[in-house]
Every structure is written in structure tokens, then in C-alpha cells.
Amino acid sequence: MPKYFFNIVLDGQSTLDGLGQPFPDEITARAHARHLTLLLADRCRDPMNSFVAVSGMDGRLIFKVAFQPSETQT
């Protein structure tokens, strides 16, 4: 099973995933990345500079999932 690394960039500050998690496919990994953005949404102040960058075992970027602007923010 492939391992995916979920590197979080929140308000321009990076947190690298040094462990990774196995998922059966990219679709499932993408759903997990979306879930992470939902879990961290209340901490996000700058959605333009916030995303989850998902990479593979080789360190190459596979995809990014952006944080969505909160409707309560003005």
C-alpha cells in the first residue's frame, strides 16, 4: 500500500509530515487531506497561504488541497 505524506502549510507556516500514512489510493489520500483542512479550519487566518501538500515516498508533490475561506470571516 502506498504511503502518503501530509505536509501542512497553515498561514504560510509549514509543518512537515515525517511519518506518512498508508492509503490504498490517491482518492482516499485526497479525502484524508480534505478532512485535515476541515479539522484545522478554525486555526486558518490566511486561506490564500494555507493548504495540505501531499507527497509520496520519493518526496515529490502529488497534489495540494487548499483550505476554503470561512464564511464567518470578513
N, C-alpha and C. Protein backbone atom coordinates (compact mmCIF):
# COMPACT_ATOMS: atom_id res chain seq x y z
N MET A 1 0.86 -1.18 0.00
CA MET A 1 0.00 0.00 0.00
C MET A 1 0.91 1.24 0.00
N PRO A 2 0.64 2.20 -0.88
CA PRO A 2 1.49 3.40 -0.93
C PRO A 2 1.36 4.25 0.33
N LYS A 3 2.44 4.92 0.67
CA LYS A 3 2.46 5.81 1.82
C LYS A 3 2.42 7.25 1.31
N TYR A 4 1.59 8.07 1.95
CA TYR A 4 1.42 9.47 1.60
C TYR A 4 1.85 10.33 2.78
N PHE A 5 2.46 11.48 2.47
CA PHE A 5 2.93 12.41 3.49
C PHE A 5 2.11 13.68 3.37
N PHE A 6 1.50 14.10 4.48
CA PHE A 6 0.57 15.23 4.51
C PHE A 6 1.26 16.42 5.17
N ASN A 7 1.89 17.24 4.35
CA ASN A 7 2.62 18.42 4.82
C ASN A 7 1.64 19.59 4.86
N ILE A 8 1.51 20.17 6.03
CA ILE A 8 0.50 21.21 6.24
C ILE A 8 1.16 22.58 6.19
N VAL A 9 0.61 23.46 5.38
CA VAL A 9 1.03 24.85 5.35
C VAL A 9 -0.18 25.65 5.83
N LEU A 10 -0.04 26.25 7.00
CA LEU A 10 -1.13 27.00 7.63
C LEU A 10 -0.67 28.43 7.83
N ASP A 11 -1.34 29.35 7.15
CA ASP A 11 -0.98 30.77 7.20
C ASP A 11 0.48 31.00 6.81
N GLY A 12 0.95 30.21 5.84
CA GLY A 12 2.31 30.34 5.34
C GLY A 12 3.37 29.60 6.14
N GLN A 13 3.00 28.98 7.25
CA GLN A 13 3.93 28.25 8.10
C GLN A 13 3.82 26.75 7.83
N SER A 14 4.94 26.11 7.51
CA SER A 14 4.95 24.70 7.13
C SER A 14 5.16 23.77 8.32
N THR A 15 4.45 22.67 8.30
CA THR A 15 4.69 21.56 9.21
C THR A 15 4.83 20.31 8.36
N LEU A 16 6.03 19.71 8.38
CA LEU A 16 6.29 18.54 7.55
C LEU A 16 5.88 17.27 8.26
N ASP A 17 5.31 16.37 7.51
CA ASP A 17 4.91 15.05 8.00
C ASP A 17 6.09 14.11 7.81
N GLY A 18 6.72 13.74 8.90
CA GLY A 18 7.87 12.85 8.82
C GLY A 18 7.54 11.38 8.88
N LEU A 19 6.28 11.06 9.13
CA LEU A 19 5.87 9.66 9.28
C LEU A 19 5.11 9.12 8.06
N GLY A 20 4.19 9.91 7.56
CA GLY A 20 3.35 9.44 6.46
C GLY A 20 2.31 8.45 6.93
N GLN A 21 1.36 8.19 6.05
CA GLN A 21 0.29 7.23 6.34
C GLN A 21 -0.01 6.43 5.09
N PRO A 22 -0.25 5.14 5.24
CA PRO A 22 -0.60 4.33 4.08
C PRO A 22 -2.08 4.48 3.72
N PHE A 23 -2.34 4.61 2.44
CA PHE A 23 -3.70 4.64 1.91
C PHE A 23 -3.72 3.80 0.64
N PRO A 24 -4.84 3.18 0.33
CA PRO A 24 -4.89 2.29 -0.83
C PRO A 24 -4.72 3.01 -2.17
N ASP A 25 -5.09 4.31 -2.21
CA ASP A 25 -5.02 5.02 -3.49
C ASP A 25 -5.06 6.52 -3.26
N GLU A 26 -4.86 7.27 -4.33
CA GLU A 26 -4.83 8.73 -4.26
C GLU A 26 -6.18 9.31 -3.88
N ILE A 27 -7.25 8.68 -4.28
CA ILE A 27 -8.60 9.17 -3.95
C ILE A 27 -8.80 9.18 -2.44
N THR A 28 -8.40 8.12 -1.79
CA THR A 28 -8.54 8.02 -0.33
C THR A 28 -7.61 9.01 0.37
N ALA A 29 -6.40 9.16 -0.15
CA ALA A 29 -5.45 10.12 0.42
C ALA A 29 -5.98 11.55 0.26
N ARG A 30 -6.60 11.84 -0.87
CA ARG A 30 -7.16 13.18 -1.09
C ARG A 30 -8.31 13.45 -0.10
N ALA A 31 -9.13 12.45 0.15
CA ALA A 31 -10.22 12.60 1.13
C ALA A 31 -9.65 12.88 2.52
N HIS A 32 -8.55 12.23 2.86
CA HIS A 32 -7.91 12.47 4.16
C HIS A 32 -7.36 13.90 4.23
N ALA A 33 -6.75 14.38 3.16
CA ALA A 33 -6.24 15.74 3.12
C ALA A 33 -7.37 16.75 3.29
N ARG A 34 -8.51 16.51 2.64
CA ARG A 34 -9.67 17.40 2.81
C ARG A 34 -10.13 17.40 4.27
N HIS A 35 -10.12 16.22 4.87
CA HIS A 35 -10.52 16.09 6.27
C HIS A 35 -9.58 16.91 7.17
N LEU A 36 -8.29 16.89 6.88
CA LEU A 36 -7.34 17.68 7.66
C LEU A 36 -7.65 19.17 7.55
N THR A 37 -8.02 19.64 6.37
CA THR A 37 -8.35 21.06 6.22
C THR A 37 -9.58 21.42 7.05
N LEU A 38 -10.53 20.50 7.14
CA LEU A 38 -11.72 20.75 7.96
C LEU A 38 -11.36 20.79 9.45
N LEU A 39 -10.48 19.89 9.87
CA LEU A 39 -10.07 19.85 11.28
C LEU A 39 -9.32 21.11 11.70
N LEU A 40 -8.57 21.68 10.77
CA LEU A 40 -7.74 22.85 11.08
C LEU A 40 -8.36 24.17 10.65
N ALA A 41 -9.55 24.15 10.10
CA ALA A 41 -10.17 25.35 9.54
C ALA A 41 -10.29 26.48 10.55
N ASP A 42 -10.55 26.17 11.80
CA ASP A 42 -10.72 27.23 12.79
C ASP A 42 -9.40 27.93 13.14
N ARG A 43 -8.27 27.34 12.78
CA ARG A 43 -6.96 27.95 13.02
C ARG A 43 -6.47 28.75 11.81
N CYS A 44 -7.12 28.60 10.69
CA CYS A 44 -6.69 29.22 9.45
C CYS A 44 -7.14 30.68 9.39
N ARG A 45 -6.18 31.59 9.29
CA ARG A 45 -6.48 33.02 9.17
C ARG A 45 -6.20 33.54 7.77
N ASP A 46 -5.41 32.81 7.00
CA ASP A 46 -5.00 33.24 5.67
C ASP A 46 -5.17 32.10 4.67
N PRO A 47 -6.40 31.87 4.18
CA PRO A 47 -6.66 30.74 3.29
C PRO A 47 -5.83 30.76 1.99
N MET A 48 -5.41 31.95 1.57
CA MET A 48 -4.60 32.04 0.34
C MET A 48 -3.22 31.41 0.53
N ASN A 49 -2.76 31.32 1.77
CA ASN A 49 -1.46 30.75 2.09
C ASN A 49 -1.57 29.54 3.00
N SER A 50 -2.64 28.76 2.81
CA SER A 50 -2.88 27.58 3.63
C SER A 50 -3.35 26.43 2.75
N PHE A 51 -2.69 25.28 2.90
CA PHE A 51 -3.05 24.11 2.12
C PHE A 51 -2.37 22.88 2.71
N VAL A 52 -2.80 21.72 2.26
CA VAL A 52 -2.13 20.47 2.59
C VAL A 52 -1.45 20.00 1.30
N ALA A 53 -0.14 19.87 1.35
CA ALA A 53 0.64 19.40 0.22
C ALA A 53 0.95 17.92 0.46
N VAL A 54 0.47 17.07 -0.42
CA VAL A 54 0.62 15.63 -0.24
C VAL A 54 1.71 15.12 -1.18
N SER A 55 2.68 14.45 -0.58
CA SER A 55 3.78 13.89 -1.37
C SER A 55 3.86 12.38 -1.16
N GLY A 56 4.59 11.75 -2.06
CA GLY A 56 4.78 10.30 -1.99
C GLY A 56 6.09 9.96 -1.30
N MET A 57 6.42 8.69 -1.32
CA MET A 57 7.64 8.19 -0.68
C MET A 57 8.90 8.83 -1.26
N ASP A 58 8.86 9.22 -2.52
CA ASP A 58 10.02 9.83 -3.17
C ASP A 58 10.15 11.32 -2.86
N GLY A 59 9.20 11.87 -2.10
CA GLY A 59 9.23 13.28 -1.74
C GLY A 59 8.61 14.22 -2.75
N ARG A 60 8.19 13.68 -3.88
CA ARG A 60 7.57 14.52 -4.91
C ARG A 60 6.12 14.84 -4.57
N LEU A 61 5.75 16.09 -4.87
CA LEU A 61 4.38 16.54 -4.66
C LEU A 61 3.44 15.76 -5.57
N ILE A 62 2.37 15.24 -4.99
CA ILE A 62 1.35 14.54 -5.77
C ILE A 62 0.18 15.48 -6.04
N PHE A 63 -0.28 16.16 -4.98
CA PHE A 63 -1.37 17.13 -5.12
C PHE A 63 -1.41 18.03 -3.89
N LYS A 64 -2.18 19.11 -4.01
CA LYS A 64 -2.44 20.03 -2.90
C LYS A 64 -3.94 20.14 -2.69
N VAL A 65 -4.34 20.31 -1.45
CA VAL A 65 -5.73 20.59 -1.11
C VAL A 65 -5.75 21.91 -0.36
N ALA A 66 -6.44 22.88 -0.91
CA ALA A 66 -6.49 24.22 -0.32
C ALA A 66 -7.51 24.29 0.81
N PHE A 67 -7.24 25.17 1.76
CA PHE A 67 -8.22 25.50 2.79
C PHE A 67 -9.27 26.40 2.12
N GLN A 68 -10.49 26.23 2.50
CA GLN A 68 -11.56 27.06 1.96
C GLN A 68 -11.78 28.25 2.89
N PRO A 69 -11.98 29.43 2.33
CA PRO A 69 -12.27 30.59 3.20
C PRO A 69 -13.52 30.34 4.03
N SER A 70 -13.45 30.70 5.28
CA SER A 70 -14.60 30.55 6.16
C SER A 70 -15.64 31.59 5.82
N GLU A 71 -16.89 31.20 5.85
CA GLU A 71 -17.99 32.14 5.56
C GLU A 71 -18.16 33.15 6.69
N THR A 72 -17.63 32.83 7.88
CA THR A 72 -17.79 33.72 9.02
C THR A 72 -16.72 34.80 9.05
N GLN A 73 -15.64 34.62 8.27
CA GLN A 73 -14.59 35.63 8.24
C GLN A 73 -15.01 36.79 7.37
N THR A 74 -14.56 37.98 7.73
CA THR A 74 -14.87 39.17 6.92
C THR A 74 -13.60 39.86 6.52
